Amino acid sequence: MQPAPPMKFQVRRFNEARALWQEIGSDAIASPYADFDWLAAWCETIGTKADIDAITIEMRQADRLLLVCPLMLRRIAGVTICNWLGGHTQNFNSALFSSDWLRSADSGDFDAVFLGLKQALPNVDLFCLGRQPEHILGVRNPFYCRGFSTRHRDPFYQVQMSEDFCAWKSDRRSKGSLQRLQRQRKQLEKSFGQVEILQPKSSGQLESLLNVFFIQRARSAQAGLVPNPFFDSKLRNFVHRAAFAGLQKKRGLQVFALIADGSILATELVLLTRDSYSGFAKSMDLNMAKFSPGKLLSHEVLKTVHARGIRYVDFGLGAEKYKEDWTDRIELCDSYFPIRSNGFAMMTTMMSINMAWRLTKNLPGTRSLVRRGKTTIQSQQHC
């Protein structure tokens, strides 16, 4: 029996690596946040101000592309740290894996991956690969809980829908809550006419929906309901670029809106792949709150993506009640691989800060206090 060919690693500049995404294919096992257009939009907006070096590592075996890692290098207090590319805009992180290889690989293959990463980036002091789920599209994530690992400080909400959407939603939601949604839709239609779900088909439509989204988020923040990180111009520009990159596609950042009588009652921004849906952000018209337009839109978007064959759903980080209605709470993992003593010291500091933050946020009433504080600060900055 001949030994397997060695794995070969190569580092590329991220902006020169688009062909790797095309080569590994749409059936790659990956997070929707590993979408090339999404990451490119981040690099062109937020990333330009973040003092980072965006790179991609590819792994091949006998010229077959098996793994693509979008990463970024940054310097903090003299320590070179390697993180997943995309920073805080990511709900969760992963590499892009060849589906056939990941399903058949063993622990020895994964050990070779970590060795190859370290050899490909010899100047890195600390690999900090955070926000990782245990499974990606139902397949075990080999980066999960490797090295020194700790639970991520925020909970994550995810679920796999069954083949029968009606049966699945009946299992998730009580009969009373589904009847309440139905009544609210009927009341909305009685008051304002037919309710429609819109996905923009032109740049003008998309621009209008995004403008409404930003306005609604700002008003909700001023009312003290939700934080509004979109007061930041870099984040708004990022969302614009990512949404326009996804326009008229079935992947990347997609915008949905609930429309009645020509008015936009709610919007929802989601990342889509062939297999998965990830909730990124949403907004609603506060004057229509009694009709729960956000909940109505979430139901319709789930129904729409299910009809497209998508089964894996996440509602992102945080502990908002609506996430528990549709999805299950799971824990993400932050993995650390210190290479040098200064990397080990930085890892210890980062883990201590995250642990303190997690414990503080989980104290009774603290989450709501933190959320109100963020909302107040951001609304004042927006004004």
Protein backbone atom coordinates (compact mmCIF):
# COMPACT_ATOMS: atom_id res chain seq x y z
CA MET A 1 0.00 0.00 0.00
CA GLN A 2 1.49 3.31 -1.12
CA PRO A 3 1.57 6.20 1.39
CA ALA A 4 -0.78 9.11 0.72
CA PRO A 5 0.78 12.03 -1.16
CA PRO A 6 1.93 14.86 1.14
CA MET A 7 -0.28 17.85 1.76
CA LYS A 8 1.05 21.06 0.27
CA PHE A 9 0.20 24.53 1.58
CA GLN A 10 0.40 27.86 -0.18
CA VAL A 11 -0.27 31.39 1.08
CA ARG A 12 -1.96 33.89 -1.25
CA ARG A 13 -3.16 37.45 -0.92
CA PHE A 14 -6.91 37.27 -0.35
CA ASN A 15 -7.72 39.67 -3.18
CA GLU A 16 -5.89 37.35 -5.60
CA ALA A 17 -7.63 34.15 -4.47
CA ARG A 18 -11.14 34.30 -6.00
CA ALA A 19 -10.31 31.38 -8.31
CA LEU A 20 -9.89 29.11 -5.26
CA TRP A 21 -13.55 29.61 -4.31
CA GLN A 22 -14.56 28.67 -7.84
CA GLU A 23 -12.27 25.65 -7.83
CA ILE A 24 -13.38 24.16 -4.52
CA GLY A 25 -16.97 24.41 -5.77
CA SER A 26 -20.43 25.23 -4.49
CA ASP A 27 -20.66 21.88 -2.70
CA ALA A 28 -17.83 22.80 -0.32
CA ILE A 29 -18.63 22.43 3.37
CA ALA A 30 -18.37 25.95 4.76
CA SER A 31 -20.00 28.72 6.75
CA PRO A 32 -21.99 31.24 4.69
CA TYR A 33 -19.59 33.79 6.19
CA ALA A 34 -16.81 32.23 4.13
CA ASP A 35 -18.45 33.54 0.95
CA PHE A 36 -15.83 35.33 -1.15
CA ASP A 37 -17.98 38.37 -2.04
CA TRP A 38 -18.96 38.85 1.61
CA LEU A 39 -15.33 38.76 2.75
CA ALA A 40 -14.19 40.96 -0.15
CA ALA A 41 -16.78 43.58 0.83
CA TRP A 42 -15.47 43.49 4.40
CA CYS A 43 -11.86 43.90 3.24
CA GLU A 44 -12.79 46.86 1.02
CA THR A 45 -14.63 48.71 3.80
CA ILE A 46 -14.06 47.77 7.43
CA GLY A 47 -10.82 45.93 6.70
CA THR A 48 -9.14 48.99 5.18
CA LYS A 49 -9.32 50.73 8.57
CA ALA A 50 -8.51 47.66 10.68
CA ASP A 51 -4.75 47.45 10.00
CA ILE A 52 -4.88 43.81 8.97
CA ASP A 53 -3.24 41.67 6.30
CA ALA A 54 -5.90 39.57 4.51
CA ILE A 55 -4.58 36.23 3.26
CA THR A 56 -5.77 32.83 2.10
CA ILE A 57 -4.13 29.48 2.73
CA GLU A 58 -4.86 26.65 0.33
CA MET A 59 -4.11 23.00 1.00
CA ARG A 60 -3.68 20.50 -1.81
CA GLN A 61 -2.94 16.81 -2.07
CA ALA A 62 -1.84 15.48 -5.46
CA ASP A 63 -2.93 18.83 -6.99
CA ARG A 64 -6.46 18.41 -5.60
CA LEU A 65 -7.74 21.41 -3.62
CA LEU A 66 -8.97 20.16 -0.24
CA LEU A 67 -9.05 23.21 2.02
CA VAL A 68 -9.25 27.01 1.78
CA CYS A 69 -8.70 29.15 4.91
CA PRO A 70 -9.57 32.88 4.69
CA LEU A 71 -7.46 34.47 7.42
CA MET A 72 -6.09 37.80 8.57
CA LEU A 73 -2.89 38.76 10.33
CA ARG A 74 -2.69 41.63 12.82
CA ARG A 75 -0.25 42.97 15.39
CA ILE A 76 -1.36 43.63 18.97
CA ALA A 77 1.18 44.74 21.59
CA GLY A 78 4.01 43.33 19.49
CA VAL A 79 2.31 39.94 19.03
CA THR A 80 1.42 38.66 15.54
CA ILE A 81 -2.04 37.05 15.71
CA CYS A 82 -3.80 35.03 13.02
CA ASN A 83 -7.63 35.15 13.03
CA TRP A 84 -10.41 34.17 10.71
CA LEU A 85 -11.02 36.91 8.14
CA GLY A 86 -14.06 39.10 8.77
CA GLY A 87 -13.78 40.03 12.42
CA HIS A 88 -16.91 40.79 14.43
CA THR A 89 -19.27 40.71 11.44
CA GLN A 90 -19.14 36.91 11.42
CA ASN A 91 -21.85 34.92 13.22
CA PHE A 92 -19.54 31.93 13.10
CA ASN A 93 -16.39 30.90 11.27
CA SER A 94 -15.01 28.01 9.29
CA ALA A 95 -12.65 27.11 6.50
CA LEU A 96 -13.97 25.83 3.16
CA PHE A 97 -13.55 22.06 2.98
CA SER A 98 -13.79 19.74 0.02
CA SER A 99 -16.91 17.76 0.87
CA ASP A 100 -15.55 14.35 -0.11
CA TRP A 101 -12.29 14.89 1.73
CA LEU A 102 -13.81 16.18 4.98
CA ARG A 103 -16.27 13.30 5.19
CA SER A 104 -13.49 10.71 4.79
CA ALA A 105 -10.52 12.39 6.54
CA ASP A 106 -9.19 11.07 9.85
CA SER A 107 -7.45 12.65 12.84
CA GLY A 108 -4.04 12.17 11.23
CA ASP A 109 -5.12 14.29 8.27
CA PHE A 110 -6.30 17.03 10.62
CA ASP A 111 -3.02 16.96 12.56
CA ALA A 112 -1.26 17.55 9.25
CA VAL A 113 -3.54 20.55 8.61
CA PHE A 114 -2.50 22.29 11.81
CA LEU A 115 1.16 21.52 11.24
CA GLY A 116 0.89 22.88 7.70
CA LEU A 117 -0.77 26.10 8.89
CA LYS A 118 2.05 26.76 11.34
CA GLN A 119 4.72 26.04 8.73
CA ALA A 120 3.00 28.21 6.12
CA LEU A 121 2.90 31.18 8.52
CA PRO A 122 6.20 30.98 10.46
CA ASN A 123 5.98 34.56 11.78
CA VAL A 124 2.67 34.06 13.60
CA ASP A 125 2.92 34.03 17.40
CA LEU A 126 -0.68 33.01 18.11
CA PHE A 127 -3.45 31.41 16.05
CA CYS A 128 -6.79 32.54 17.50
CA LEU A 129 -9.60 30.80 15.61
CA GLY A 130 -12.83 31.85 17.27
CA ARG A 131 -16.59 31.37 16.91
CA GLN A 132 -16.47 27.81 15.63
CA PRO A 133 -19.40 25.38 15.67
CA GLU A 134 -18.96 21.70 16.43
CA HIS A 135 -20.61 20.77 13.11
CA ILE A 136 -20.84 22.47 9.73
CA LEU A 137 -23.71 21.26 7.53
CA GLY A 138 -23.97 18.21 9.77
CA VAL A 139 -20.27 17.28 9.43
CA ARG A 140 -17.82 17.45 12.32
CA ASN A 141 -15.65 20.60 12.20
CA PRO A 142 -11.98 19.55 12.61
CA PHE A 143 -11.04 22.98 13.98
CA TYR A 144 -13.52 22.68 16.84
CA CYS A 145 -11.95 22.47 20.31
CA ARG A 146 -8.40 21.97 19.05
CA GLY A 147 -5.39 23.37 20.89
CA PHE A 148 -6.36 25.44 23.91
CA SER A 149 -10.10 25.99 23.67
CA THR A 150 -12.85 27.76 25.55
CA ARG A 151 -16.54 28.35 25.08
CA HIS A 152 -17.32 31.52 23.15
CA ARG A 153 -18.74 34.25 25.35
CA ASP A 154 -22.08 34.57 23.46
CA PRO A 155 -24.61 31.80 22.79
CA PHE A 156 -25.41 30.79 19.22
CA TYR A 157 -28.75 29.63 17.79
CA GLN A 158 -28.97 27.04 15.05
CA VAL A 159 -31.27 24.27 13.81
CA GLN A 160 -31.72 21.82 10.95
CA MET A 161 -35.17 21.99 9.36
CA SER A 162 -36.86 18.74 8.42
CA GLU A 163 -38.12 17.95 4.91
CA ASP A 164 -41.73 18.86 5.77
CA PHE A 165 -41.80 22.57 6.62
CA CYS A 166 -45.31 22.59 8.08
CA ALA A 167 -44.55 19.63 10.34
CA TRP A 168 -41.26 21.19 11.38
CA LYS A 169 -42.74 24.55 12.34
CA SER A 170 -45.51 22.78 14.27
CA ASP A 171 -42.82 20.97 16.26
CA ARG A 172 -40.94 24.22 16.90
CA ARG A 173 -43.83 26.54 17.71
CA SER A 174 -46.89 26.05 19.86
CA LYS A 175 -50.30 25.88 18.24
CA GLY A 176 -51.22 29.13 19.98
CA SER A 177 -48.19 31.04 18.67
CA LEU A 178 -48.82 29.89 15.09
CA GLN A 179 -52.47 30.88 15.34
CA ARG A 180 -51.41 34.27 16.69
CA LEU A 181 -49.10 34.79 13.70
CA GLN A 182 -51.94 33.89 11.36
CA ARG A 183 -54.32 36.34 13.10
CA GLN A 184 -51.77 39.13 12.91
CA ARG A 185 -51.30 38.60 9.21
CA LYS A 186 -55.06 38.65 8.61
CA GLN A 187 -55.43 41.83 10.68
CA LEU A 188 -52.59 43.41 8.74
CA GLU A 189 -54.19 42.51 5.41
CA LYS A 190 -57.58 43.75 6.60
CA SER A 191 -56.07 47.12 7.54
CA PHE A 192 -53.60 47.63 4.68
CA GLY A 193 -54.37 45.18 1.90
CA GLN A 194 -52.35 42.30 0.52
CA VAL A 195 -49.08 41.47 2.27
CA GLU A 196 -46.13 40.63 0.04
CA ILE A 197 -42.59 39.35 0.53
CA LEU A 198 -40.15 41.24 -1.66
CA GLN A 199 -36.61 40.48 -2.73
CA PRO A 200 -35.09 43.33 -4.76
CA LYS A 201 -34.57 42.69 -8.46
CA SER A 202 -32.81 45.95 -9.31
CA SER A 203 -30.17 48.17 -7.78
CA GLY A 204 -32.80 50.88 -7.21
CA GLN A 205 -35.05 48.52 -5.26
CA LEU A 206 -32.11 47.29 -3.21
CA GLU A 207 -30.98 50.82 -2.39
CA SER A 208 -34.49 51.70 -1.20
CA LEU A 209 -34.75 48.66 1.03
CA LEU A 210 -31.35 49.27 2.60
CA ASN A 211 -32.18 52.91 3.29
CA VAL A 212 -35.38 51.83 5.06
CA PHE A 213 -33.45 49.20 7.00
CA PHE A 214 -30.94 51.76 8.31
CA ILE A 215 -33.71 54.23 9.22
CA GLN A 216 -35.76 51.60 11.05
CA ARG A 217 -32.75 50.40 13.00
CA ALA A 218 -31.89 53.96 14.04
CA ARG A 219 -35.45 54.62 15.21
CA SER A 220 -35.55 51.36 17.18
CA ALA A 221 -32.30 52.35 18.89
CA GLN A 222 -33.66 55.80 19.73
CA ALA A 223 -36.71 54.10 21.25
CA GLY A 224 -34.36 52.01 23.42
CA LEU A 225 -35.37 48.68 21.87
CA VAL A 226 -32.25 47.34 20.13
CA PRO A 227 -28.64 48.46 19.69
CA ASN A 228 -27.82 49.99 16.33
CA PRO A 229 -24.26 49.18 15.23
CA PHE A 230 -25.18 50.53 11.77
CA PHE A 231 -24.65 54.12 12.89
CA ASP A 232 -21.03 53.35 11.90
CA SER A 233 -20.47 54.48 8.31
CA LYS A 234 -17.91 51.72 7.63
CA LEU A 235 -20.44 49.06 8.62
CA ARG A 236 -23.13 50.66 6.46
CA ASN A 237 -20.76 50.75 3.49
CA PHE A 238 -19.88 47.12 4.10
CA VAL A 239 -23.54 46.08 4.12
CA HIS A 240 -24.14 48.04 0.90
CA ARG A 241 -21.25 46.37 -0.91
CA ALA A 242 -22.13 42.88 0.30
CA ALA A 243 -25.81 43.30 -0.59
CA PHE A 244 -25.06 44.61 -4.08
CA ALA A 245 -22.61 41.74 -4.62
CA GLY A 246 -25.45 39.33 -3.76
CA LEU A 247 -28.08 41.07 -5.91
CA GLN A 248 -29.93 38.62 -8.20
CA LYS A 249 -27.87 35.74 -6.88
CA LYS A 250 -28.92 32.85 -4.65
CA ARG A 251 -25.96 33.20 -2.31
CA GLY A 252 -24.23 35.85 -0.26
CA LEU A 253 -26.04 38.67 1.53
CA GLN A 254 -29.73 38.75 0.58
CA VAL A 255 -32.40 41.28 1.56
CA PHE A 256 -36.04 40.40 2.18
CA ALA A 257 -38.85 42.84 3.01
CA LEU A 258 -42.46 42.62 4.20
CA ILE A 259 -44.57 45.02 2.13
CA ALA A 260 -48.17 46.21 2.62
CA ASP A 261 -49.88 49.12 0.85
CA GLY A 262 -46.57 50.11 -0.67
CA SER A 263 -44.91 50.49 2.73
CA ILE A 264 -41.95 48.49 4.00
CA LEU A 265 -43.01 47.09 7.38
CA ALA A 266 -39.94 44.99 8.13
CA THR A 267 -36.65 43.95 6.54
CA GLU A 268 -34.35 41.00 7.06
CA LEU A 269 -30.74 40.63 5.93
CA VAL A 270 -29.54 37.03 5.65
CA LEU A 271 -26.56 35.18 4.24
CA LEU A 272 -27.38 32.26 1.99
CA THR A 273 -25.47 29.37 0.48
CA ARG A 274 -26.85 26.42 -1.42
CA ASP A 275 -27.43 24.64 1.90
CA SER A 276 -27.67 27.21 4.68
CA TYR A 277 -29.38 30.37 5.93
CA SER A 278 -27.81 32.71 8.48
CA GLY A 279 -29.69 35.64 9.98
CA PHE A 280 -27.49 38.75 9.98
CA ALA A 281 -29.78 41.66 10.92
CA LYS A 282 -33.41 42.77 10.81
CA SER A 283 -35.57 45.85 11.32
CA MET A 284 -39.23 46.83 11.56
CA ASP A 285 -41.57 49.82 11.43
CA LEU A 286 -42.32 50.62 15.09
CA ASN A 287 -45.75 51.99 14.14
CA MET A 288 -46.71 48.49 13.03
CA ALA A 289 -45.42 46.68 16.11
CA LYS A 290 -48.85 45.35 17.09
CA PHE A 291 -48.84 43.24 13.91
CA SER A 292 -45.38 41.76 14.69
CA PRO A 293 -44.10 42.37 11.14
CA GLY A 294 -40.62 41.07 12.02
CA LYS A 295 -41.99 37.72 13.17
CA LEU A 296 -44.24 37.49 10.12
CA LEU A 297 -41.28 38.17 7.84
CA SER A 298 -39.06 35.61 9.60
CA HIS A 299 -41.73 32.95 9.08
CA GLU A 300 -42.05 33.79 5.39
CA VAL A 301 -38.29 33.88 4.81
CA LEU A 302 -37.86 30.47 6.47
CA LYS A 303 -40.65 29.11 4.30
CA THR A 304 -39.04 30.61 1.18
CA VAL A 305 -35.55 29.25 1.80
CA HIS A 306 -36.95 25.85 2.75
CA ALA A 307 -38.66 25.69 -0.64
CA ARG A 308 -35.22 26.32 -2.22
CA GLY A 309 -33.82 23.23 -0.51
CA ILE A 310 -32.04 24.96 2.37
CA ARG A 311 -32.20 23.01 5.63
CA TYR A 312 -29.50 24.50 7.91
CA VAL A 313 -30.59 27.68 9.70
CA ASP A 314 -28.93 29.93 12.26
CA PHE A 315 -30.12 33.14 13.90
CA GLY A 316 -26.67 34.17 15.02
CA LEU A 317 -25.25 35.28 18.35
CA GLY A 318 -27.10 36.73 21.33
CA ALA A 319 -29.95 35.66 23.56
CA GLU A 320 -33.03 37.34 22.05
CA LYS A 321 -36.28 35.49 22.68
CA TYR A 322 -37.33 35.18 19.02
CA LYS A 323 -34.23 33.07 18.32
CA GLU A 324 -35.35 30.43 20.79
CA ASP A 325 -38.72 30.17 19.01
CA TRP A 326 -37.16 28.78 15.85
CA THR A 327 -33.73 27.44 16.74
CA ASP A 328 -31.70 25.65 19.42
CA ARG A 329 -29.03 27.18 21.60
CA ILE A 330 -25.59 25.72 21.00
CA GLU A 331 -22.14 26.73 22.15
CA LEU A 332 -19.40 27.96 19.86
CA CYS A 333 -15.75 27.32 20.61
CA ASP A 334 -12.73 29.65 20.50
CA SER A 335 -9.53 27.73 19.72
CA TYR A 336 -6.03 29.03 20.44
CA PHE A 337 -2.69 27.73 19.16
CA PRO A 338 0.20 29.65 20.76
CA ILE A 339 3.49 29.24 18.90
CA ARG A 340 5.83 31.38 21.01
CA SER A 341 5.94 32.54 24.62
CA ASN A 342 4.54 35.99 23.77
CA GLY A 343 1.67 34.26 21.95
CA PHE A 344 1.01 32.15 25.03
CA ALA A 345 0.91 35.26 27.22
CA MET A 346 -1.50 36.98 24.80
CA MET A 347 -3.70 33.87 24.71
CA THR A 348 -3.90 33.82 28.52
CA THR A 349 -4.95 37.46 28.57
CA MET A 350 -7.56 37.01 25.83
CA MET A 351 -9.06 33.91 27.44
CA SER A 352 -9.28 35.65 30.83
CA ILE A 353 -11.03 38.68 29.34
CA ASN A 354 -13.52 36.52 27.43
CA MET A 355 -14.26 34.40 30.48
CA ALA A 356 -14.89 37.46 32.64
CA TRP A 357 -17.11 38.95 29.94
CA ARG A 358 -19.10 35.72 29.60
CA LEU A 359 -19.61 35.36 33.34
CA THR A 360 -20.64 39.00 33.70
CA LYS A 361 -23.14 38.86 30.85
CA ASN A 362 -24.74 35.73 32.30
CA LEU A 363 -25.51 37.36 35.65
CA PRO A 364 -29.27 37.97 36.15
CA GLY A 365 -30.32 41.16 34.38
CA THR A 366 -26.86 41.95 33.04
CA ARG A 367 -27.62 41.16 29.38
CA SER A 368 -30.55 43.57 29.29
CA LEU A 369 -28.46 46.22 31.08
CA VAL A 370 -25.61 45.85 28.56
CA ARG A 371 -28.08 45.98 25.67
CA ARG A 372 -29.71 49.16 27.02
CA GLY A 373 -26.29 50.72 27.54
CA LYS A 374 -25.24 49.96 23.96
CA THR A 375 -28.55 51.24 22.65
CA THR A 376 -28.23 54.54 24.55
CA ILE A 377 -24.62 55.14 23.47
CA GLN A 378 -25.27 54.26 19.82
CA SER A 379 -28.43 56.34 19.57
CA GLN A 380 -26.53 59.37 20.94
CA GLN A 381 -23.67 58.81 18.50
CA HIS A 382 -26.16 58.51 15.64
CA CYS A 383 -27.75 61.79 16.60
